[in-house]
Amino acid sequence: MHFIDLKRIGLLGCGAIGTQIALAIDSGKIPATLTHVYDIERSHADNLVSKLKQKPEVVANSHLLSSNPVELVVEAASQ
């Protein structure tokens, strides 16, 4: 039996690209755990989380992504 150590990922940007990344992680296509999300528009982050089976934490600002125990921060913001 093989065990995969899933990477803990924080997502910066919850628009079209960020949503596709989050959905791929949530469905298991990307072997990782989405633990935190952030978007400059809080409603975008909340909307994304509502679409996911696993519910990552919505953080209040981008600096909180790197201060939480994540192994990788994926930047998918347009600005």
N, C-alpha and C. Protein backbone atom coordinates (compact mmCIF):
# COMPACT_ATOMS: atom_id res chain seq x y z
N MET A 1 0.84 -1.16 0.00
CA MET A 1 0.00 0.00 0.00
C MET A 1 0.90 1.24 0.00
N HIS A 2 0.58 2.21 -0.84
CA HIS A 2 1.35 3.44 -0.92
C HIS A 2 0.56 4.58 -0.29
N PHE A 3 1.27 5.37 0.49
CA PHE A 3 0.66 6.55 1.08
C PHE A 3 1.29 7.78 0.46
N ILE A 4 0.47 8.70 0.05
CA ILE A 4 0.96 9.94 -0.54
C ILE A 4 0.87 11.03 0.51
N ASP A 5 1.98 11.72 0.72
CA ASP A 5 1.99 12.85 1.64
C ASP A 5 1.48 14.06 0.86
N LEU A 6 0.23 14.44 1.09
CA LEU A 6 -0.37 15.54 0.34
C LEU A 6 0.19 16.87 0.80
N LYS A 7 0.57 17.68 -0.16
CA LYS A 7 1.08 19.02 0.13
C LYS A 7 -0.07 19.92 0.55
N ARG A 8 0.21 20.79 1.51
CA ARG A 8 -0.76 21.78 1.97
C ARG A 8 -0.57 23.04 1.15
N ILE A 9 -1.64 23.46 0.46
CA ILE A 9 -1.55 24.58 -0.48
C ILE A 9 -2.45 25.73 -0.04
N GLY A 10 -1.91 26.94 -0.17
CA GLY A 10 -2.68 28.16 -0.01
C GLY A 10 -2.87 28.78 -1.39
N LEU A 11 -4.04 29.30 -1.66
CA LEU A 11 -4.37 29.85 -2.98
C LEU A 11 -4.59 31.35 -2.88
N LEU A 12 -3.85 32.09 -3.67
CA LEU A 12 -3.96 33.55 -3.73
C LEU A 12 -4.65 33.91 -5.04
N GLY A 13 -5.92 34.28 -4.97
CA GLY A 13 -6.70 34.61 -6.16
C GLY A 13 -7.78 33.57 -6.40
N CYS A 14 -9.02 33.99 -6.39
CA CYS A 14 -10.15 33.06 -6.50
C CYS A 14 -11.02 33.37 -7.71
N GLY A 15 -10.41 33.87 -8.77
CA GLY A 15 -11.12 34.12 -10.02
C GLY A 15 -11.19 32.86 -10.86
N ALA A 16 -11.22 33.02 -12.17
CA ALA A 16 -11.38 31.89 -13.08
C ALA A 16 -10.26 30.86 -12.94
N ILE A 17 -9.02 31.30 -12.94
CA ILE A 17 -7.89 30.37 -12.85
C ILE A 17 -7.82 29.76 -11.46
N GLY A 18 -7.93 30.58 -10.43
CA GLY A 18 -7.90 30.07 -9.06
C GLY A 18 -9.01 29.06 -8.81
N THR A 19 -10.18 29.31 -9.35
CA THR A 19 -11.30 28.38 -9.20
C THR A 19 -10.99 27.04 -9.84
N GLN A 20 -10.42 27.05 -11.03
CA GLN A 20 -10.08 25.80 -11.70
C GLN A 20 -9.03 25.01 -10.92
N ILE A 21 -8.05 25.71 -10.37
CA ILE A 21 -7.03 25.04 -9.55
C ILE A 21 -7.68 24.43 -8.31
N ALA A 22 -8.52 25.21 -7.64
CA ALA A 22 -9.19 24.73 -6.42
C ALA A 22 -10.08 23.52 -6.72
N LEU A 23 -10.82 23.56 -7.81
CA LEU A 23 -11.68 22.44 -8.17
C LEU A 23 -10.87 21.19 -8.48
N ALA A 24 -9.71 21.37 -9.13
CA ALA A 24 -8.85 20.23 -9.44
C ALA A 24 -8.28 19.61 -8.16
N ILE A 25 -7.91 20.43 -7.21
CA ILE A 25 -7.43 19.91 -5.92
C ILE A 25 -8.57 19.21 -5.19
N ASP A 26 -9.74 19.83 -5.16
CA ASP A 26 -10.89 19.29 -4.45
C ASP A 26 -11.34 17.95 -5.02
N SER A 27 -11.21 17.78 -6.33
CA SER A 27 -11.64 16.53 -6.97
C SER A 27 -10.58 15.44 -6.91
N GLY A 28 -9.37 15.79 -6.48
CA GLY A 28 -8.29 14.80 -6.42
C GLY A 28 -7.43 14.74 -7.65
N LYS A 29 -7.74 15.54 -8.67
CA LYS A 29 -6.90 15.55 -9.88
C LYS A 29 -5.50 16.06 -9.58
N ILE A 30 -5.40 16.97 -8.63
CA ILE A 30 -4.11 17.44 -8.12
C ILE A 30 -3.98 16.87 -6.72
N PRO A 31 -2.97 16.03 -6.48
CA PRO A 31 -2.83 15.39 -5.17
C PRO A 31 -2.28 16.35 -4.12
N ALA A 32 -3.16 17.11 -3.52
CA ALA A 32 -2.79 18.12 -2.53
C ALA A 32 -4.01 18.42 -1.67
N THR A 33 -3.80 19.21 -0.63
CA THR A 33 -4.88 19.67 0.23
C THR A 33 -4.91 21.19 0.20
N LEU A 34 -6.02 21.75 -0.21
CA LEU A 34 -6.19 23.20 -0.22
C LEU A 34 -6.61 23.62 1.18
N THR A 35 -5.73 24.32 1.88
CA THR A 35 -5.99 24.65 3.28
C THR A 35 -6.45 26.08 3.50
N HIS A 36 -6.01 27.01 2.63
CA HIS A 36 -6.32 28.43 2.82
C HIS A 36 -6.52 29.09 1.45
N VAL A 37 -7.45 30.04 1.38
CA VAL A 37 -7.65 30.82 0.16
C VAL A 37 -7.75 32.29 0.53
N TYR A 38 -7.38 33.13 -0.44
CA TYR A 38 -7.48 34.58 -0.26
C TYR A 38 -7.82 35.21 -1.60
N ASP A 39 -8.67 36.21 -1.57
CA ASP A 39 -8.92 37.07 -2.72
C ASP A 39 -9.15 38.48 -2.18
N ILE A 40 -8.72 39.47 -2.93
CA ILE A 40 -8.91 40.87 -2.51
C ILE A 40 -10.39 41.17 -2.31
N GLU A 41 -11.24 40.49 -3.07
CA GLU A 41 -12.70 40.58 -2.89
C GLU A 41 -13.14 39.36 -2.07
N ARG A 42 -13.41 39.56 -0.80
CA ARG A 42 -13.75 38.45 0.11
C ARG A 42 -14.89 37.61 -0.46
N SER A 43 -15.85 38.24 -1.15
CA SER A 43 -16.99 37.50 -1.70
C SER A 43 -16.55 36.47 -2.73
N HIS A 44 -15.47 36.74 -3.46
CA HIS A 44 -14.96 35.77 -4.44
C HIS A 44 -14.42 34.53 -3.72
N ALA A 45 -13.70 34.75 -2.63
CA ALA A 45 -13.18 33.62 -1.85
C ALA A 45 -14.32 32.82 -1.24
N ASP A 46 -15.30 33.50 -0.67
CA ASP A 46 -16.45 32.81 -0.07
C ASP A 46 -17.22 32.02 -1.12
N ASN A 47 -17.40 32.59 -2.30
CA ASN A 47 -18.11 31.90 -3.38
C ASN A 47 -17.35 30.65 -3.80
N LEU A 48 -16.04 30.75 -3.91
CA LEU A 48 -15.24 29.59 -4.30
C LEU A 48 -15.37 28.49 -3.25
N VAL A 49 -15.21 28.82 -1.99
CA VAL A 49 -15.29 27.82 -0.93
C VAL A 49 -16.65 27.12 -0.94
N SER A 50 -17.71 27.84 -1.27
CA SER A 50 -19.05 27.24 -1.30
C SER A 50 -19.17 26.15 -2.36
N LYS A 51 -18.30 26.16 -3.37
CA LYS A 51 -18.33 25.17 -4.45
C LYS A 51 -17.53 23.91 -4.13
N LEU A 52 -16.78 23.93 -3.04
CA LEU A 52 -15.85 22.84 -2.74
C LEU A 52 -16.41 21.88 -1.70
N LYS A 53 -16.04 20.60 -1.84
CA LYS A 53 -16.41 19.60 -0.83
C LYS A 53 -15.60 19.80 0.44
N GLN A 54 -14.29 19.96 0.26
CA GLN A 54 -13.39 20.26 1.38
C GLN A 54 -13.37 21.78 1.53
N LYS A 55 -13.51 22.27 2.73
CA LYS A 55 -13.65 23.71 2.96
C LYS A 55 -12.36 24.32 3.50
N PRO A 56 -11.56 24.97 2.63
CA PRO A 56 -10.37 25.66 3.13
C PRO A 56 -10.76 26.90 3.91
N GLU A 57 -9.85 27.37 4.73
CA GLU A 57 -10.07 28.60 5.49
C GLU A 57 -9.90 29.81 4.57
N VAL A 58 -10.80 30.77 4.66
CA VAL A 58 -10.65 32.04 3.95
C VAL A 58 -9.88 32.97 4.87
N VAL A 59 -8.71 33.43 4.42
CA VAL A 59 -7.90 34.31 5.26
C VAL A 59 -8.17 35.76 4.90
N ALA A 60 -7.93 36.65 5.86
CA ALA A 60 -8.30 38.06 5.72
C ALA A 60 -7.35 38.88 4.86
N ASN A 61 -6.10 38.43 4.74
CA ASN A 61 -5.17 39.15 3.86
C ASN A 61 -4.11 38.20 3.33
N SER A 62 -3.45 38.60 2.27
CA SER A 62 -2.52 37.71 1.57
C SER A 62 -1.35 37.28 2.45
N HIS A 63 -0.95 38.10 3.41
CA HIS A 63 0.17 37.75 4.29
C HIS A 63 -0.16 36.55 5.17
N LEU A 64 -1.43 36.34 5.45
CA LEU A 64 -1.82 35.20 6.28
C LEU A 64 -1.62 33.87 5.56
N LEU A 65 -1.59 33.89 4.22
CA LEU A 65 -1.31 32.66 3.50
C LEU A 65 0.06 32.12 3.87
N SER A 66 1.06 32.98 3.88
CA SER A 66 2.42 32.52 4.15
C SER A 66 2.68 32.31 5.64
N SER A 67 1.86 32.88 6.51
CA SER A 67 2.08 32.69 7.94
C SER A 67 1.39 31.44 8.47
N ASN A 68 0.53 30.82 7.68
CA ASN A 68 -0.12 29.58 8.06
C ASN A 68 0.73 28.41 7.60
N PRO A 69 0.50 27.24 8.17
CA PRO A 69 1.33 26.08 7.82
C PRO A 69 0.99 25.51 6.44
N VAL A 70 1.41 26.21 5.40
CA VAL A 70 1.26 25.71 4.04
C VAL A 70 2.65 25.46 3.47
N GLU A 71 2.73 24.52 2.55
CA GLU A 71 4.01 24.20 1.93
C GLU A 71 4.19 24.92 0.60
N LEU A 72 3.08 25.38 0.05
CA LEU A 72 3.13 26.03 -1.26
C LEU A 72 2.01 27.06 -1.34
N VAL A 73 2.33 28.25 -1.82
CA VAL A 73 1.31 29.26 -2.11
C VAL A 73 1.23 29.39 -3.62
N VAL A 74 0.05 29.17 -4.18
CA VAL A 74 -0.18 29.29 -5.61
C VAL A 74 -0.78 30.67 -5.87
N GLU A 75 -0.13 31.46 -6.70
CA GLU A 75 -0.60 32.80 -7.04
C GLU A 75 -1.38 32.71 -8.35
N ALA A 76 -2.67 33.00 -8.27
CA ALA A 76 -3.54 32.95 -9.45
C ALA A 76 -4.33 34.25 -9.56
N ALA A 77 -3.72 35.34 -9.12
CA ALA A 77 -4.38 36.65 -9.14
C ALA A 77 -4.02 37.38 -10.43
N SER A 78 -4.95 38.18 -10.90
CA SER A 78 -4.71 38.90 -12.16
C SER A 78 -3.93 40.18 -11.96
N GLN A 79 -3.81 40.66 -10.76
CA GLN A 79 -3.09 41.92 -10.52
C GLN A 79 -1.92 41.71 -9.61
